[in-house]
Protein backbone atom coordinates (compact mmCIF):
# COMPACT_ATOMS: atom_id res chain seq x y z
CA MET A 1 16.64 78.65 178.85
CA LEU A 2 15.54 74.96 180.08
CA THR A 3 18.38 72.20 180.22
CA THR A 4 17.82 68.49 180.12
CA SER A 5 19.78 66.72 181.99
CA PRO A 6 23.19 64.86 180.69
CA ALA A 7 22.59 61.08 181.15
CA LEU A 8 24.94 59.80 183.89
CA ILE A 9 26.12 56.41 180.76
CA ASP A 10 27.87 57.56 178.22
CA VAL A 11 25.26 55.04 176.09
CA PRO A 12 28.10 54.79 172.92
CA LEU A 13 30.43 54.00 175.43
CA VAL A 14 28.28 52.01 177.52
CA PHE A 15 25.93 50.19 174.39
CA PRO A 16 27.84 50.23 171.43
CA ALA A 17 25.53 48.64 169.44
CA VAL A 18 22.46 51.43 169.81
CA ALA A 19 25.32 54.06 168.32
CA PRO A 20 23.68 53.83 164.50
CA TYR A 21 20.60 54.84 166.18
CA ALA A 22 21.16 57.54 167.42
CA LEU A 23 19.17 60.79 166.70
CA THR A 24 18.45 64.00 167.94
CA THR A 25 14.59 65.33 168.90
CA VAL A 26 13.43 68.72 169.85
CA ARG A 27 12.76 69.18 172.86
CA LEU A 28 10.08 72.62 172.85
CA HIS A 29 9.47 72.74 176.48
CA PRO A 30 6.07 74.50 176.38
CA ARG A 31 5.48 77.07 179.55
CA PRO A 32 1.80 78.60 180.30
CA GLY A 33 2.59 82.35 178.58
CA SER A 34 0.75 84.72 175.95
CA PRO A 35 2.69 83.81 172.56
CA THR A 36 1.27 85.53 170.01
CA VAL A 37 0.18 85.33 166.47
CA GLU A 38 4.32 85.98 165.23
CA GLN A 39 5.68 82.81 167.82
CA SER A 40 5.75 79.23 167.50
CA SER A 41 3.60 77.86 170.46
CA VAL A 42 1.36 74.93 171.72
CA GLY A 43 -1.86 76.27 172.18
CA GLY A 44 -0.97 79.62 171.20
CA PRO A 45 -2.87 81.98 168.38
CA LEU A 46 -2.54 80.83 164.09
CA LEU A 47 -1.48 82.59 161.42
CA TRP A 48 -4.23 82.64 159.60
CA PRO A 49 -5.38 84.35 156.61
CA LEU A 50 -8.16 86.59 156.71
CA ASP A 51 -9.69 85.51 153.36
CA GLU A 52 -9.18 81.36 154.64
CA PRO A 53 -11.94 79.30 156.36
CA TRP A 54 -11.21 78.77 159.74
CA PRO A 55 -11.50 74.13 159.34
CA THR A 56 -14.32 72.14 161.28
CA CYS A 57 -15.13 68.95 161.96
CA ASP A 58 -18.65 67.12 161.55
CA GLY A 59 -17.27 63.82 161.18
CA PRO A 60 -17.64 63.11 158.44
CA GLU A 61 -19.46 59.48 159.70
CA PRO A 62 -22.52 59.24 162.39
CA TYR A 63 -21.22 59.41 165.81
CA ASP A 64 -17.53 60.00 164.81
CA HIS A 65 -17.53 62.54 167.28
CA LEU A 66 -17.93 59.54 169.75
CA ASP A 67 -19.40 61.96 172.54
CA SER A 68 -22.20 63.63 169.81
CA SER A 69 -25.00 63.49 167.87
CA PRO A 70 -25.12 63.37 164.26
CA GLY A 71 -26.51 66.07 162.38
CA GLU A 72 -24.87 68.95 165.22
CA ALA A 73 -22.93 72.45 163.97
CA ALA A 74 -19.83 71.21 162.60
CA ALA A 75 -16.90 71.98 165.82
CA PRO A 76 -14.37 74.38 165.27
CA LEU A 77 -10.75 72.54 165.53
CA VAL A 78 -8.64 74.47 167.62
CA PRO A 79 -4.73 75.75 167.20
CA VAL A 80 -2.64 72.78 169.10
CA VAL A 81 1.10 73.58 167.76
CA GLN A 82 2.68 76.29 165.44
CA LEU A 83 6.49 76.43 165.11
CA LEU A 84 8.56 78.82 162.77
CA ALA A 85 11.61 77.36 160.41
CA GLU A 86 14.21 80.26 162.95
CA ASP A 87 12.80 78.85 165.95
CA VAL A 88 12.77 74.89 164.53
CA PRO A 89 14.78 74.35 161.44
CA GLU A 90 15.04 70.97 161.89
CA VAL A 91 11.51 70.65 161.32
CA PRO A 92 11.24 69.34 157.14
CA PHE A 93 9.48 71.94 155.66
CA PRO A 94 8.21 71.70 152.33
CA GLU A 95 9.83 74.44 149.72
CA GLY A 96 8.83 77.61 150.20
CA ALA A 97 7.60 77.12 153.31
CA ASP A 98 8.39 79.15 156.91
CA VAL A 99 5.73 77.77 159.24
CA LEU A 100 4.05 74.77 160.79
CA GLN A 101 0.59 73.97 162.04
CA VAL A 102 -1.22 71.77 163.96
CA LEU A 103 -5.06 71.79 164.34
CA TRP A 104 -7.19 69.17 165.55
CA CYS A 105 -10.83 68.54 166.45
CA PRO A 106 -11.11 68.14 170.07
CA PHE A 107 -13.39 64.89 170.32
CA ASP A 108 -13.12 61.09 170.14
CA HIS A 109 -12.61 60.07 167.00
CA ASP A 110 -12.55 55.95 165.58
CA PRO A 111 -10.43 54.34 165.44
CA SER A 112 -8.74 55.40 168.42
CA SER A 113 -11.38 56.95 170.65
CA ALA A 114 -8.90 60.39 170.41
CA PRO A 115 -8.58 63.87 168.45
CA ARG A 116 -7.83 63.93 164.91
CA PRO A 117 -5.01 66.19 163.88
CA GLU A 118 -4.55 67.95 160.66
CA LEU A 119 -1.57 69.99 159.51
CA ARG A 120 -1.18 73.18 157.82
CA TRP A 121 2.24 74.81 155.96
CA ARG A 122 2.68 78.09 154.73
CA SER A 123 4.99 81.06 154.36
CA ARG A 124 4.85 84.19 155.67
CA ALA A 125 5.53 85.93 153.13
CA GLY A 126 2.12 84.60 151.77
CA ILE A 127 -0.35 85.33 153.90
CA GLY A 128 -1.53 88.76 153.73
CA ALA A 129 -3.83 89.40 155.40
CA ARG A 130 -4.48 88.00 159.12
CA ARG A 131 -7.29 86.73 161.18
CA LEU A 132 -7.06 88.42 164.37
CA ALA A 133 -8.65 86.37 166.62
CA MET A 134 -9.52 82.85 166.66
CA PRO A 135 -12.65 80.54 166.40
CA VAL A 136 -14.09 79.76 170.47
CA PRO A 137 -13.99 76.33 170.85
CA ASP A 138 -17.33 74.55 170.63
CA GLU A 139 -18.46 74.42 174.17
CA GLU A 140 -19.14 70.57 174.06
CA SER A 141 -15.26 70.22 172.90
CA ASP A 142 -13.66 67.60 175.21
CA PRO A 143 -10.96 70.42 177.42
CA ARG A 144 -8.38 67.70 177.55
CA TYR A 145 -7.96 68.19 173.90
CA VAL A 146 -7.81 72.46 174.14
CA PRO A 147 -4.32 73.75 175.09
CA ASP A 148 -3.37 76.46 177.23
CA PRO A 149 -1.34 78.57 175.41
CA CYS A 150 1.92 77.34 175.72
CA VAL A 151 5.64 79.57 174.94
CA LEU A 152 8.28 77.46 173.61
CA ASP A 153 11.69 76.91 174.41
CA PRO A 154 13.30 74.35 171.87
CA GLU A 155 16.31 72.30 173.09
CA ARG A 156 18.49 69.44 171.08
CA VAL A 157 19.11 66.63 173.10
CA ILE A 158 19.95 62.72 171.04
CA GLU A 159 17.71 60.01 172.24
CA TYR A 160 17.67 56.43 171.53
CA PRO A 161 14.91 53.85 170.25
CA THR A 162 13.35 51.73 172.94
CA HIS A 163 10.37 49.57 171.15
CA ASP A 164 11.65 50.70 167.73
CA LEU A 165 15.33 48.89 168.63
CA PRO A 166 15.67 45.77 166.62
CA GLN A 167 15.70 42.62 169.04
CA ALA A 168 19.11 41.53 167.76
CA VAL A 169 20.69 45.05 168.78
CA TRP A 170 18.81 44.76 172.32
CA SER A 171 19.79 40.93 172.65
CA GLN A 172 23.45 42.52 172.73
CA ILE A 173 22.69 44.75 175.52
CA ASP A 174 20.38 43.39 177.82
CA ALA A 175 23.20 42.41 180.00
CA ALA A 176 24.29 45.41 180.15
CA VAL A 177 21.38 47.58 180.98
CA GLY A 178 20.55 45.16 183.56
CA GLN A 179 23.24 45.83 185.16
CA VAL A 180 23.58 49.37 184.58
CA GLU A 181 20.52 49.81 186.51
CA GLN A 182 21.24 47.60 189.12
CA ASP A 183 25.23 50.03 189.39
CA THR A 184 22.98 53.37 189.13
CA GLY A 185 19.41 53.12 188.97
CA TRP A 186 19.23 54.59 185.77
CA SER A 187 16.87 52.57 183.49
CA TYR A 188 17.93 52.71 179.49
CA GLU A 189 14.28 52.89 178.33
CA ALA A 190 12.88 55.22 181.46
CA ASP A 191 16.18 57.52 181.38
CA LEU A 192 18.76 57.05 178.91
CA ALA A 193 16.39 56.98 175.26
CA VAL A 194 13.49 58.52 174.03
CA ALA A 195 12.87 61.87 175.41
CA SER A 196 9.70 63.02 177.66
CA GLY A 197 7.07 65.77 176.21
CA ILE A 198 6.46 67.47 173.39
CA LYS A 199 8.92 67.40 170.69
CA VAL A 200 9.57 67.41 167.00
CA GLY A 201 11.40 64.37 165.44
CA GLY A 202 13.55 61.19 167.27
CA TYR A 203 11.55 59.14 167.92
CA PRO A 204 7.54 58.50 169.05
CA GLY A 205 7.05 57.31 172.79
CA TRP A 206 5.72 54.99 172.27
CA THR A 207 3.84 52.73 174.82
CA GLN A 208 2.32 49.86 172.81
CA SER A 209 4.10 48.53 169.93
CA PRO A 210 5.39 50.82 167.34
CA GLN A 211 3.01 51.36 164.09
CA TRP A 212 5.10 53.69 161.93
CA PRO A 213 2.81 55.25 158.60
CA VAL A 214 4.18 54.09 154.99
CA CYS A 215 3.22 56.74 152.64
CA GLY A 216 1.35 56.46 149.66
CA CYS A 217 4.52 55.99 147.27
CA GLY A 218 5.57 53.26 149.29
CA THR A 219 8.19 55.37 151.48
CA SER A 220 8.47 55.02 155.85
CA MET A 221 7.12 58.18 157.11
CA ARG A 222 9.30 59.97 159.31
CA HIS A 223 8.53 61.15 162.81
CA LEU A 224 7.65 64.60 162.71
CA LEU A 225 6.27 65.37 166.21
CA THR A 226 5.22 64.45 169.24
CA ILE A 227 1.96 65.89 171.32
CA ALA A 228 2.56 64.27 174.80
CA SER A 229 -0.07 64.59 177.85
CA TRP A 230 2.45 64.73 180.02
CA GLU A 231 6.77 66.47 180.00
CA PHE A 232 8.19 63.73 182.18
CA SER A 233 6.31 60.79 184.38
CA GLY A 234 7.29 62.24 187.97
CA GLY A 235 9.35 64.42 190.55
CA ASP A 236 11.43 60.90 190.97
CA GLU A 237 12.43 61.48 187.13
CA LYS A 238 16.68 60.70 187.22
CA ARG A 239 16.52 62.94 183.53
CA TRP A 240 13.89 64.70 181.87
CA VAL A 241 12.93 67.34 184.17
CA ALA A 242 14.46 70.41 183.03
CA LEU A 243 17.63 71.06 185.58
CA GLU A 244 15.48 74.13 186.25
CA ASP A 245 13.05 73.08 187.53
CA ARG A 246 13.70 70.75 189.59
CA PRO A 247 13.68 72.98 192.77
CA ALA A 248 10.67 73.77 192.45
CA MET A 249 9.93 69.61 192.32
CA VAL A 250 10.66 70.31 195.94
CA GLY A 251 8.04 68.27 198.12
CA TRP A 252 6.25 67.28 194.86
CA GLY A 253 4.33 64.09 195.16
CA TYR A 254 0.72 63.13 193.16
CA ASP A 255 -1.07 63.62 196.78
CA SER A 256 0.50 67.40 196.63
CA SER A 257 -1.71 69.98 196.83
CA ASP A 258 -3.32 71.78 192.96
CA ASP A 259 -1.23 74.70 193.72
CA HIS A 260 2.09 72.27 193.59
CA PRO A 261 4.72 73.56 190.93
CA TRP A 262 5.01 70.48 189.73
CA ARG A 263 1.17 70.35 188.04
CA THR A 264 2.39 72.87 185.77
CA LEU A 265 5.72 71.78 185.21
CA GLN A 266 4.37 68.27 184.12
CA ASN A 267 1.51 69.50 182.15
CA PRO A 268 1.73 72.78 180.99
CA ALA A 269 -0.69 72.52 177.93
CA GLY A 270 -3.78 70.86 180.16
CA LEU A 271 -3.92 67.95 177.94
CA MET A 272 -4.87 64.40 178.00
CA LEU A 273 -4.42 62.56 175.84
CA GLY A 274 -6.24 59.16 176.91
CA ASP A 275 -3.79 57.33 179.56
CA ALA A 276 -1.10 59.69 179.74
CA GLY A 277 -0.77 58.83 175.93
CA GLY A 278 0.50 60.82 173.11
CA ILE A 279 -0.67 61.94 169.27
CA TYR A 280 2.74 60.86 166.88
CA LEU A 281 2.72 62.86 163.46
CA PHE A 282 4.81 61.52 160.46
CA VAL A 283 5.40 63.10 157.18
CA CYS A 284 6.80 61.92 154.49
CA THR A 285 9.82 63.94 153.21
CA THR A 286 10.07 61.88 149.81
CA CYS A 287 7.06 63.87 148.54
CA PRO A 288 7.73 67.27 148.02
CA ASN A 289 3.76 68.46 149.26
CA ARG A 290 4.39 66.21 152.76
CA PRO A 291 1.61 64.00 153.22
CA PHE A 292 1.29 63.22 156.81
CA ASP A 293 -0.76 60.50 159.06
CA HIS A 294 -0.74 60.09 162.43
CA ARG A 295 -0.99 57.66 165.55
CA PHE A 296 -2.80 57.11 168.52
CA ASP A 297 -0.97 55.56 171.95
CA CYS A 298 -1.16 55.01 175.08
CA SER A 299 -0.86 52.74 178.08
């Protein structure tokens, strides 16, 4: 069981104006492993019907694979995330579904030079005969977009917005935020607000201005899932390195040897999305078929 450090500051007490914006996020805490199709995972095999063709991507426009040439063979999508309802019931599963799967094309795509994700909602009871092996990624795939298999250890954490906090609220807490950082070294934005890493729900960890998608029905979509490059930004993190991992961080440094444990703890799936960015997936919980959209964001 992996545990996020409790906040040094009682956020609703010290910054009462942000209390109404509290949301629960589920930190998935991926760790290298050998997940099966019957498990929630990052980069693991998927529960896939044997008679359902595996999805591929060939653009669809010329040069849409920004590192490729038009007319080449379609690339198989790669498994990114599988979540089972019993592990993460916070996922807004449509009626009858108990599995969420995320795949993406492991090439750059316009307009953001990032992978293009797809979602699948499934009912395990309706899958029938299952595919035994996943397709091998295209040999030209960007390895930074093909996650290494990881098992998960979901943990619920309360978080508060940063870029999504209204300016009027920022003006109410600005002085207190500065005082807390001066007195304790804890930053509201870095240590007390939006959780790092791959997670379900809560707030996207925007580094640019927020870009919340709106469904065709007119409803603002809900943040479903963050797929982040890093679980935390460095060994001097005050909050987002799990308590159980801190002993392994002793002696960390960006110039540490490649086999230092901090590298696997920080980037267990081996992803790198732009400049340590993230892909945020959103769904409409008003529409029963759960239409989705995504955004790519990095510094």
